N, C-alpha and C. Protein backbone atom coordinates (compact mmCIF):
# COMPACT_ATOMS: atom_id res chain seq x y z
N MET A 1 128.42 85.01 -212.89
CA MET A 1 129.38 84.55 -213.92
C MET A 1 128.84 84.91 -215.25
N LEU A 2 129.95 85.19 -216.14
CA LEU A 2 129.53 85.70 -217.28
C LEU A 2 130.02 84.24 -218.41
N ILE A 3 128.84 84.23 -219.41
CA ILE A 3 128.85 83.23 -220.51
C ILE A 3 128.78 84.03 -221.82
N ILE A 4 130.09 83.65 -222.75
CA ILE A 4 130.52 84.42 -223.96
C ILE A 4 130.74 83.06 -224.95
N THR A 5 129.56 83.22 -225.65
CA THR A 5 129.26 82.17 -226.80
C THR A 5 129.07 82.25 -227.91
N GLY A 6 129.21 81.90 -229.11
CA GLY A 6 128.74 82.31 -230.25
C GLY A 6 128.89 81.14 -231.45
N PRO A 7 129.02 80.86 -232.59
CA PRO A 7 129.62 79.97 -233.29
C PRO A 7 131.26 79.67 -233.37
N PRO A 8 131.67 79.00 -233.99
CA PRO A 8 133.35 78.57 -234.19
C PRO A 8 133.59 80.62 -235.14
N GLY A 9 134.42 80.74 -235.00
CA GLY A 9 135.25 82.12 -235.35
C GLY A 9 134.72 83.27 -235.12
N ALA A 10 133.70 83.41 -234.28
CA ALA A 10 133.35 84.68 -233.63
C ALA A 10 134.49 85.30 -232.65
N GLY A 11 134.96 84.60 -232.37
CA GLY A 11 136.32 85.38 -231.40
C GLY A 11 136.24 85.54 -229.80
N LYS A 12 135.13 84.13 -229.42
CA LYS A 12 134.91 83.75 -227.95
C LYS A 12 136.18 83.95 -227.12
N SER A 13 137.38 82.71 -227.77
CA SER A 13 138.43 82.99 -226.67
C SER A 13 139.20 84.58 -226.35
N THR A 14 139.60 84.96 -227.39
CA THR A 14 139.83 86.44 -227.61
C THR A 14 139.25 87.35 -226.51
N VAL A 15 138.19 87.36 -226.72
CA VAL A 15 136.92 88.23 -225.81
C VAL A 15 137.19 88.39 -224.56
N ALA A 16 136.98 86.77 -224.76
CA ALA A 16 136.69 85.87 -223.09
C ALA A 16 137.82 86.38 -222.30
N ALA A 17 139.15 86.20 -222.48
CA ALA A 17 140.42 86.49 -222.56
C ALA A 17 140.70 87.55 -221.78
N SER A 18 140.19 88.93 -222.61
CA SER A 18 139.73 90.39 -222.46
C SER A 18 139.31 90.80 -221.41
N VAL A 19 137.95 90.28 -221.46
CA VAL A 19 136.90 90.81 -220.68
C VAL A 19 137.30 89.99 -219.06
N ALA A 20 138.07 89.04 -219.11
CA ALA A 20 138.41 88.56 -217.78
C ALA A 20 139.39 89.50 -217.35
N GLN A 21 140.40 90.09 -217.94
CA GLN A 21 141.39 90.76 -217.89
C GLN A 21 140.39 92.07 -217.11
N HIS A 22 139.48 92.77 -216.95
CA HIS A 22 139.15 93.76 -216.60
C HIS A 22 138.53 93.43 -214.75
N SER A 23 138.88 92.31 -214.34
CA SER A 23 138.25 91.79 -212.87
C SER A 23 139.57 91.38 -212.44
N SER A 24 139.92 92.14 -211.17
CA SER A 24 141.19 91.43 -210.40
C SER A 24 140.69 90.44 -209.82
N THR A 25 139.76 89.88 -209.46
CA THR A 25 140.18 88.42 -209.27
C THR A 25 139.00 87.15 -210.04
N ALA A 26 139.61 87.41 -211.05
CA ALA A 26 138.96 86.23 -212.80
C ALA A 26 139.29 85.22 -212.68
N ALA A 27 138.52 84.30 -213.48
CA ALA A 27 138.34 83.28 -214.20
C ALA A 27 138.39 82.77 -215.37
N CYS A 28 139.04 82.83 -216.19
CA CYS A 28 138.49 82.07 -217.33
C CYS A 28 138.36 80.42 -217.68
N VAL A 29 137.23 80.13 -217.90
CA VAL A 29 137.24 78.86 -218.29
C VAL A 29 136.75 78.57 -219.67
N GLU A 30 137.19 77.81 -220.29
CA GLU A 30 137.67 77.69 -221.68
C GLU A 30 137.07 76.30 -221.77
N ALA A 31 135.39 76.26 -222.20
CA ALA A 31 134.68 75.20 -222.28
C ALA A 31 135.61 74.19 -223.36
N ASP A 32 135.82 74.92 -224.40
CA ASP A 32 136.56 73.63 -225.48
C ASP A 32 137.56 72.38 -224.80
N TRP A 33 138.04 73.07 -223.95
CA TRP A 33 139.15 72.55 -223.72
C TRP A 33 138.52 70.85 -222.66
N PHE A 34 137.30 71.29 -222.03
CA PHE A 34 136.60 70.18 -221.65
C PHE A 34 136.49 68.74 -223.01
N TRP A 35 136.11 69.21 -224.50
CA TRP A 35 136.23 68.50 -225.20
C TRP A 35 137.26 67.65 -225.36
N THR A 36 138.46 67.99 -225.34
CA THR A 36 139.53 67.27 -225.60
C THR A 36 139.98 66.12 -224.68
N THR A 37 139.20 66.16 -223.49
CA THR A 37 139.74 65.00 -222.28
C THR A 37 139.00 63.89 -222.98
N ILE A 38 137.99 64.30 -223.78
CA ILE A 38 137.28 62.82 -224.30
C ILE A 38 138.49 61.89 -224.90
N VAL A 39 139.17 61.26 -224.51
CA VAL A 39 140.15 60.12 -225.19
C VAL A 39 139.35 58.48 -226.20
N GLY A 40 138.22 58.29 -225.95
CA GLY A 40 137.84 57.21 -226.45
C GLY A 40 136.26 57.52 -227.07
N ARG A 41 135.62 57.30 -228.01
CA ARG A 41 134.59 57.54 -228.05
C ARG A 41 134.01 59.15 -228.41
N PHE A 42 134.91 59.33 -228.77
CA PHE A 42 134.30 60.82 -229.14
C PHE A 42 133.48 61.37 -230.49
N ILE A 43 132.47 62.30 -230.71
CA ILE A 43 131.59 62.28 -231.63
C ILE A 43 131.50 63.66 -231.77
N ASP A 44 131.87 64.17 -233.20
CA ASP A 44 132.37 65.58 -233.37
C ASP A 44 131.04 66.57 -232.81
N PRO A 45 131.02 67.67 -231.90
CA PRO A 45 129.94 67.78 -231.17
C PRO A 45 129.24 68.63 -232.27
N TRP A 46 129.09 69.01 -233.29
CA TRP A 46 128.06 69.29 -234.29
C TRP A 46 127.14 68.79 -234.56
N LEU A 47 127.30 67.05 -234.82
CA LEU A 47 126.79 65.88 -234.85
C LEU A 47 125.48 65.93 -234.01
N PRO A 48 124.26 65.58 -234.58
CA PRO A 48 123.08 65.43 -233.45
C PRO A 48 123.30 64.28 -232.91
N GLU A 49 124.07 63.19 -233.15
CA GLU A 49 124.29 62.31 -231.98
C GLU A 49 125.16 62.42 -230.81
N ALA A 50 125.87 63.81 -230.85
CA ALA A 50 126.49 64.36 -230.14
C ALA A 50 125.85 64.78 -228.65
N ASP A 51 124.71 64.90 -228.51
CA ASP A 51 124.34 65.53 -227.63
C ASP A 51 124.58 65.16 -226.08
N ALA A 52 124.03 63.81 -225.73
CA ALA A 52 124.67 63.63 -224.68
C ALA A 52 126.08 63.93 -224.10
N GLN A 53 126.91 63.43 -225.14
CA GLN A 53 128.63 63.72 -225.20
C GLN A 53 128.53 65.38 -224.62
N ASN A 54 127.99 66.31 -225.77
CA ASN A 54 127.95 67.26 -225.45
C ASN A 54 127.44 68.23 -223.67
N ARG A 55 126.46 67.62 -223.43
CA ARG A 55 125.77 67.84 -221.65
C ARG A 55 126.63 67.55 -221.18
N THR A 56 127.36 66.10 -221.15
CA THR A 56 128.77 66.14 -220.16
C THR A 56 129.36 66.91 -220.24
N VAL A 57 130.36 66.98 -221.68
CA VAL A 57 131.17 68.16 -221.24
C VAL A 57 130.53 69.30 -220.90
N LEU A 58 129.78 69.95 -221.29
CA LEU A 58 129.47 71.38 -220.52
C LEU A 58 129.20 70.99 -219.34
N ARG A 59 128.36 70.18 -218.69
CA ARG A 59 128.25 70.07 -217.23
C ARG A 59 129.48 70.12 -216.21
N SER A 60 130.54 69.72 -217.16
CA SER A 60 131.82 69.30 -216.14
C SER A 60 132.29 70.66 -216.32
N ALA A 61 132.31 71.31 -217.32
CA ALA A 61 132.84 72.53 -217.32
C ALA A 61 132.18 73.60 -216.67
N PHE A 62 130.95 73.79 -216.10
CA PHE A 62 130.16 74.45 -215.59
C PHE A 62 130.52 74.25 -213.78
N HIS A 63 130.76 72.91 -213.98
CA HIS A 63 131.18 72.72 -212.62
C HIS A 63 132.48 72.95 -212.23
N ALA A 64 133.40 73.38 -213.06
CA ALA A 64 134.53 73.54 -212.99
C ALA A 64 134.39 75.51 -212.67
N ALA A 65 133.33 75.55 -213.41
CA ALA A 65 132.66 77.42 -213.45
C ALA A 65 132.08 77.20 -211.67
N ARG A 66 131.52 76.73 -211.57
CA ARG A 66 131.15 76.92 -210.28
C ARG A 66 131.94 77.16 -209.19
N ALA A 67 133.19 76.14 -209.15
CA ALA A 67 134.07 76.20 -208.07
C ALA A 67 134.86 77.67 -208.44
N PHE A 68 135.27 78.00 -208.97
CA PHE A 68 135.89 79.28 -209.19
C PHE A 68 134.69 80.41 -208.74
N GLU A 69 133.58 80.58 -208.94
CA GLU A 69 132.80 81.83 -208.42
C GLU A 69 132.54 80.88 -207.07
N ASP A 70 132.35 79.92 -206.24
CA ASP A 70 132.53 79.46 -204.62
C ASP A 70 133.82 79.96 -204.08
N GLY A 71 134.68 79.85 -205.08
CA GLY A 71 136.51 80.61 -204.42
C GLY A 71 136.15 82.15 -204.56
N GLY A 72 135.59 82.81 -205.04
CA GLY A 72 135.49 84.25 -205.35
C GLY A 72 136.01 84.49 -206.54
N TYR A 73 136.47 84.09 -207.01
CA TYR A 73 136.43 84.49 -208.83
C TYR A 73 135.23 85.03 -209.24
N ASP A 74 135.68 86.48 -210.16
CA ASP A 74 134.59 87.02 -211.36
C ASP A 74 134.84 85.71 -212.04
N THR A 75 134.00 84.57 -212.88
CA THR A 75 133.91 83.98 -213.59
C THR A 75 133.50 83.93 -214.94
N VAL A 76 134.54 84.09 -215.97
CA VAL A 76 134.08 84.01 -217.69
C VAL A 76 133.79 82.78 -218.34
N VAL A 77 132.96 82.14 -218.65
CA VAL A 77 132.92 80.90 -219.64
C VAL A 77 132.95 80.92 -220.65
N GLU A 78 134.39 80.50 -221.28
CA GLU A 78 133.84 80.86 -223.23
C GLU A 78 133.94 79.25 -223.78
N GLY A 79 132.54 79.09 -225.00
CA GLY A 79 132.93 77.95 -225.32
C GLY A 79 131.27 78.14 -226.00
N ILE A 80 130.85 77.28 -226.67
CA ILE A 80 129.82 76.83 -227.47
C ILE A 80 128.55 76.34 -226.38
N VAL A 81 127.67 77.25 -225.95
CA VAL A 81 126.63 77.31 -225.30
C VAL A 81 125.64 77.60 -225.63
N GLY A 82 124.81 77.11 -226.64
CA GLY A 82 123.83 77.77 -227.45
C GLY A 82 122.43 77.67 -226.30
N PRO A 83 121.38 78.35 -227.08
CA PRO A 83 119.95 78.52 -225.95
C PRO A 83 119.73 77.45 -225.83
N TRP A 84 120.25 76.05 -226.32
CA TRP A 84 119.36 74.42 -226.38
C TRP A 84 120.18 73.73 -225.18
N MET A 85 121.60 74.42 -224.35
CA MET A 85 121.93 73.99 -223.46
C MET A 85 121.91 74.62 -222.45
N LEU A 86 121.15 75.89 -221.77
CA LEU A 86 120.79 76.55 -221.01
C LEU A 86 120.22 75.54 -219.85
N ASP A 87 119.39 74.72 -219.84
CA ASP A 87 119.01 73.90 -219.12
C ASP A 87 119.90 72.87 -218.29
N VAL A 88 121.50 72.64 -218.83
CA VAL A 88 122.57 71.91 -218.62
C VAL A 88 123.20 73.11 -217.45
N VAL A 89 123.19 74.42 -217.84
CA VAL A 89 123.81 75.53 -217.26
C VAL A 89 123.06 75.71 -216.10
N ALA A 90 121.71 75.58 -215.90
CA ALA A 90 120.64 75.82 -214.93
C ALA A 90 121.02 74.76 -213.82
N ASP A 91 120.83 73.64 -214.31
CA ASP A 91 120.97 72.59 -213.59
C ASP A 91 122.30 72.00 -213.07
N THR A 92 123.56 72.85 -213.20
CA THR A 92 124.74 72.57 -212.72
C THR A 92 125.20 73.52 -211.68
N LEU A 93 124.76 74.81 -211.93
CA LEU A 93 124.53 76.46 -211.40
C LEU A 93 123.56 76.40 -209.97
N ARG A 94 122.76 75.52 -210.15
CA ARG A 94 121.65 76.10 -209.22
C ARG A 94 122.04 76.71 -208.00
N ASP A 95 121.54 77.53 -207.70
CA ASP A 95 121.65 78.45 -206.16
C ASP A 95 122.59 79.30 -206.25
N SER A 96 123.13 79.35 -207.67
CA SER A 96 124.83 80.04 -207.55
C SER A 96 124.29 81.34 -207.85
N SER A 97 125.34 82.60 -207.88
CA SER A 97 125.06 83.72 -208.47
C SER A 97 124.21 84.17 -209.50
N PRO A 98 123.82 85.05 -210.14
CA PRO A 98 123.24 85.60 -211.33
C PRO A 98 124.09 85.12 -212.50
N VAL A 99 123.51 84.86 -213.86
CA VAL A 99 124.07 84.53 -214.90
C VAL A 99 124.21 85.47 -215.89
N ASP A 100 125.15 86.09 -216.69
CA ASP A 100 124.92 87.30 -217.73
C ASP A 100 125.61 86.16 -219.09
N TYR A 101 124.62 86.27 -220.39
CA TYR A 101 124.69 85.85 -221.27
C TYR A 101 124.73 86.60 -222.78
N VAL A 102 126.31 86.27 -223.41
CA VAL A 102 126.39 87.38 -224.56
C VAL A 102 126.56 86.32 -225.28
N VAL A 103 125.68 86.48 -227.07
CA VAL A 103 126.28 85.73 -227.89
C VAL A 103 127.21 86.46 -229.27
N LEU A 104 128.42 86.46 -229.13
CA LEU A 104 129.06 87.02 -230.45
C LEU A 104 128.38 86.57 -231.56
N ARG A 105 127.93 87.26 -232.52
CA ARG A 105 127.44 86.75 -233.44
C ARG A 105 128.09 87.52 -234.91
N PRO A 106 129.29 87.06 -235.79
CA PRO A 106 129.44 88.04 -236.93
C PRO A 106 128.85 87.55 -237.73
N SER A 107 129.07 88.10 -238.71
CA SER A 107 128.30 87.52 -240.29
C SER A 107 129.14 86.07 -240.32
N LEU A 108 128.51 85.18 -240.81
CA LEU A 108 128.77 83.88 -241.79
C LEU A 108 130.13 84.06 -242.09
N THR A 109 130.18 85.10 -243.38
CA THR A 109 131.93 85.00 -243.90
C THR A 109 132.67 85.58 -242.81
N SER A 110 132.45 86.59 -242.27
CA SER A 110 133.33 86.86 -240.79
C SER A 110 133.82 85.85 -240.01
N CYS A 111 132.63 84.86 -239.83
CA CYS A 111 133.34 83.52 -238.73
C CYS A 111 133.91 82.58 -239.58
N LEU A 112 133.95 82.58 -241.02
CA LEU A 112 134.78 81.56 -241.88
C LEU A 112 136.02 82.14 -242.16
N SER A 113 135.81 83.37 -242.70
CA SER A 113 137.42 84.09 -242.40
C SER A 113 138.15 83.92 -241.61
N ARG A 114 137.69 84.35 -240.39
CA ARG A 114 138.11 84.54 -238.99
C ARG A 114 139.23 82.99 -238.52
N ALA A 115 138.16 82.08 -239.35
CA ALA A 115 138.40 80.57 -238.49
C ALA A 115 139.90 80.22 -239.67
N ALA A 116 139.93 80.37 -240.77
CA ALA A 116 140.56 79.98 -241.94
C ALA A 116 141.96 81.02 -241.80
N ARG A 117 141.94 82.34 -241.32
CA ARG A 117 142.89 82.87 -240.73
C ARG A 117 143.62 82.22 -238.92
N ARG A 118 143.07 81.20 -238.36
CA ARG A 118 143.27 80.86 -237.28
C ARG A 118 144.71 80.69 -237.46
N PRO A 119 146.17 80.36 -236.86
CA PRO A 119 147.12 79.79 -237.06
C PRO A 119 146.76 78.56 -236.58
N ALA A 120 147.37 77.82 -237.17
CA ALA A 120 147.10 75.65 -237.08
C ALA A 120 147.61 75.49 -235.91
N VAL A 121 148.13 76.25 -234.96
CA VAL A 121 148.76 75.71 -233.65
C VAL A 121 147.92 75.04 -233.28
N GLU A 122 148.19 73.56 -232.41
CA GLU A 122 147.35 73.02 -231.69
C GLU A 122 147.19 73.16 -230.02
N ARG A 123 146.26 73.87 -229.24
CA ARG A 123 146.65 74.30 -228.22
C ARG A 123 146.44 73.50 -227.34
N VAL A 124 145.82 72.36 -227.82
CA VAL A 124 146.08 70.87 -227.07
C VAL A 124 146.67 69.87 -228.12
N PRO A 125 147.69 69.10 -227.89
CA PRO A 125 147.93 67.93 -228.80
C PRO A 125 146.77 67.17 -229.41
N GLY A 126 147.26 67.14 -230.40
CA GLY A 126 145.46 66.45 -231.49
C GLY A 126 144.34 66.57 -231.27
N HIS A 127 144.55 68.28 -231.42
CA HIS A 127 142.76 68.79 -231.54
C HIS A 127 143.02 69.91 -231.91
N PRO A 128 143.33 70.26 -233.24
CA PRO A 128 143.40 71.44 -234.02
C PRO A 128 142.03 72.30 -234.03
N PRO A 129 142.44 73.56 -234.45
CA PRO A 129 141.39 74.42 -234.33
C PRO A 129 140.40 74.40 -235.07
N LEU A 130 139.11 74.12 -235.08
CA LEU A 130 138.01 74.02 -236.09
C LEU A 130 138.33 75.10 -237.47
N ASP A 131 138.64 74.48 -238.46
CA ASP A 131 138.85 75.85 -239.72
C ASP A 131 138.06 75.23 -240.44
N ARG A 132 136.53 74.00 -240.92
CA ARG A 132 136.03 73.19 -242.07
C ARG A 132 134.70 74.31 -241.79
N SER A 133 134.72 74.36 -242.97
CA SER A 133 133.52 75.24 -243.03
C SER A 133 131.97 74.39 -243.07
N GLY A 134 132.00 73.03 -243.25
CA GLY A 134 130.68 72.79 -242.90
C GLY A 134 130.28 72.98 -241.04
N PRO A 135 131.11 72.29 -240.15
CA PRO A 135 130.49 72.72 -239.45
C PRO A 135 130.50 73.99 -238.64
N ILE A 136 130.78 74.90 -239.31
CA ILE A 136 131.08 76.52 -238.90
C ILE A 136 130.01 77.06 -239.45
N ARG A 137 129.34 75.93 -240.38
CA ARG A 137 128.11 77.04 -240.97
C ARG A 137 126.79 76.36 -240.05
N HIS A 138 127.38 75.31 -239.67
CA HIS A 138 126.02 74.75 -239.00
C HIS A 138 126.07 75.46 -237.74
N MET A 139 126.95 75.42 -236.85
CA MET A 139 126.97 76.00 -235.62
C MET A 139 126.29 77.72 -235.95
N TRP A 140 126.86 78.32 -236.72
CA TRP A 140 126.55 79.89 -237.07
C TRP A 140 124.76 79.70 -237.46
N ALA A 141 124.48 78.74 -238.24
CA ALA A 141 123.07 78.75 -238.29
C ALA A 141 121.93 78.37 -237.40
N ARG A 142 123.01 77.60 -236.29
CA ARG A 142 122.48 77.47 -234.83
C ARG A 142 122.25 78.46 -233.92
N PHE A 143 122.89 80.08 -233.90
CA PHE A 143 123.11 80.40 -233.52
C PHE A 143 122.11 81.61 -234.38
N SER A 144 121.91 81.86 -235.35
CA SER A 144 121.13 82.83 -236.16
C SER A 144 119.76 83.61 -235.58
N ASP A 145 119.06 82.43 -234.73
CA ASP A 145 117.76 82.70 -234.49
C ASP A 145 117.73 82.42 -233.01
N LEU A 146 118.17 83.55 -232.46
CA LEU A 146 118.14 83.25 -230.41
C LEU A 146 116.58 83.21 -229.83
N GLY A 147 115.71 83.59 -230.30
CA GLY A 147 114.57 83.92 -229.86
C GLY A 147 114.26 84.79 -228.98
N ARG A 148 114.10 84.40 -227.80
CA ARG A 148 113.63 85.31 -226.60
C ARG A 148 115.30 85.96 -226.19
N LEU A 149 116.63 85.49 -226.54
CA LEU A 149 117.24 85.72 -226.22
C LEU A 149 118.30 86.40 -227.27
N GLU A 150 117.40 87.16 -228.46
CA GLU A 150 117.92 87.56 -229.62
C GLU A 150 118.99 89.12 -228.60
N SER A 151 118.37 89.79 -227.63
CA SER A 151 118.61 90.92 -226.90
C SER A 151 120.32 90.56 -226.83
N HIS A 152 120.71 89.64 -226.69
CA HIS A 152 121.74 89.03 -225.99
C HIS A 152 123.03 88.66 -227.36
N ALA A 153 122.49 89.31 -228.28
CA ALA A 153 123.84 88.90 -229.31
C ALA A 153 124.26 90.16 -229.68
N VAL A 154 125.50 90.04 -230.02
CA VAL A 154 126.27 91.56 -230.52
C VAL A 154 127.04 91.36 -231.87
N ASP A 155 126.34 92.11 -232.83
CA ASP A 155 126.64 91.65 -234.66
C ASP A 155 128.60 92.30 -234.20
N THR A 156 129.68 91.48 -234.18
CA THR A 156 131.13 91.60 -234.05
C THR A 156 131.52 91.79 -235.30
N SER A 157 130.88 91.86 -236.87
CA SER A 157 131.36 91.55 -237.77
C SER A 157 133.09 92.71 -238.41
N THR A 158 132.32 93.78 -237.72
CA THR A 158 132.91 95.22 -237.91
C THR A 158 133.62 95.55 -236.93
N MET A 159 133.42 95.12 -235.61
CA MET A 159 134.19 95.61 -234.57
C MET A 159 135.55 95.12 -234.10
N SER A 160 136.31 95.88 -233.65
CA SER A 160 137.88 95.04 -233.19
C SER A 160 137.74 94.64 -231.59
N GLU A 161 138.70 93.83 -231.82
CA GLU A 161 138.80 92.96 -229.95
C GLU A 161 138.21 94.06 -229.06
N ASP A 162 138.97 95.37 -229.07
CA ASP A 162 138.90 96.16 -228.33
C ASP A 162 137.13 96.84 -228.07
N GLU A 163 136.83 97.09 -229.01
CA GLU A 163 135.65 97.43 -229.17
C GLU A 163 134.50 96.34 -228.94
N THR A 164 134.66 95.02 -229.08
CA THR A 164 133.77 94.03 -229.08
C THR A 164 133.80 93.65 -227.27
N VAL A 165 134.94 93.91 -226.84
CA VAL A 165 135.37 94.01 -225.30
C VAL A 165 134.45 95.01 -224.44
N ARG A 166 134.55 96.14 -224.91
CA ARG A 166 133.94 97.37 -224.58
C ARG A 166 132.49 97.11 -224.60
N ALA A 167 132.21 96.53 -226.11
CA ALA A 167 130.54 96.65 -225.98
C ALA A 167 129.72 95.87 -224.87
N VAL A 168 130.58 94.17 -224.85
CA VAL A 168 130.00 93.27 -223.30
C VAL A 168 130.37 93.71 -222.28
N LEU A 169 131.49 94.52 -221.87
CA LEU A 169 131.51 95.13 -220.41
C LEU A 169 130.12 96.19 -220.43
N GLU A 170 130.02 96.95 -221.23
CA GLU A 170 129.16 97.96 -220.94
C GLU A 170 127.76 97.55 -220.88
N ALA A 171 127.65 96.18 -221.78
CA ALA A 171 125.79 95.71 -221.80
C ALA A 171 125.93 94.72 -220.55
N ARG A 172 127.01 94.28 -219.76
CA ARG A 172 126.93 93.69 -218.68
C ARG A 172 126.65 94.55 -217.66
N HIS A 173 127.16 95.69 -217.82
CA HIS A 173 127.13 96.55 -216.52
C HIS A 173 125.93 97.39 -216.72
N ASP A 174 125.44 97.42 -217.67
CA ASP A 174 124.00 97.86 -217.98
C ASP A 174 123.03 96.80 -217.50
N GLY A 175 122.88 95.73 -217.56
CA GLY A 175 122.17 94.46 -216.96
C GLY A 175 121.62 93.78 -218.12
N ARG A 176 121.89 94.39 -219.25
CA ARG A 176 121.16 93.76 -220.51
C ARG A 176 121.64 92.42 -220.92
N LEU A 177 122.65 91.79 -220.06
CA LEU A 177 122.95 90.61 -220.37
C LEU A 177 122.44 89.22 -219.55
N ARG A 178 121.76 89.68 -218.22
CA ARG A 178 121.32 88.95 -217.34
C ARG A 178 120.45 88.05 -218.05
N VAL A 179 120.56 86.92 -217.88
CA VAL A 179 119.51 85.71 -218.25
C VAL A 179 119.15 84.98 -217.43
N GLU A 180 117.47 84.91 -217.57
CA GLU A 180 117.00 83.56 -216.89
C GLU A 180 116.94 82.06 -216.95
N LEU A 181 117.32 81.58 -216.45
CA LEU A 181 117.71 80.22 -216.63
C LEU A 181 116.51 79.34 -216.71
N PRO A 182 116.63 78.25 -217.38
CA PRO A 182 115.20 77.64 -216.85
C PRO A 182 115.04 76.80 -215.98
N THR A 183 113.77 76.66 -215.05
CA THR A 183 114.32 75.84 -213.95
C THR A 183 114.90 74.67 -214.00
N PRO A 184 116.02 74.35 -213.00
CA PRO A 184 116.70 73.18 -212.67
C PRO A 184 115.80 72.03 -212.47
N ARG A 185 116.09 71.29 -213.47
CA ARG A 185 115.24 70.11 -213.26
C ARG A 185 115.79 69.05 -211.58
N SER A 186 114.62 68.68 -211.02
CA SER A 186 114.87 68.11 -209.91
C SER A 186 116.08 67.10 -209.96
């Protein structure tokens, strides 16, 4: 399984879809979609009080990803899955195949510019693409220091989609994206 993450505007959806196309039996799970299924008591996911909601959403996304993996699909999960959420991944994927993890991390200026250029088309009715500066800045800051996972970051500020896809595929092939997940809770 490959997790492609990063702040809003990093290119996760675009790159993940292209990376998945490099496998003949691939599934691409868009974790963002799972937030759109909440129809009551929704909390903006970048707010501190959304932690329990966010963990539930990611648990749901990774259960779906695990089902694809169990079905023999080479699975790519894209969405905001910061290092602070890898315990959720570990709890959900226990005993599954190894996990690779890459953080697309263009400059803040690039993220803001890309988000502003997004088409205003709602992929799911009632859920417009995030283009507000405040949440983007907040999430970019959350990904700015990855600690022990810093080597999993790719600065895509000046890279094209094809260059980014190549960089991700090469790093994965070389084993540089393998992540040691936290020990699952009992």
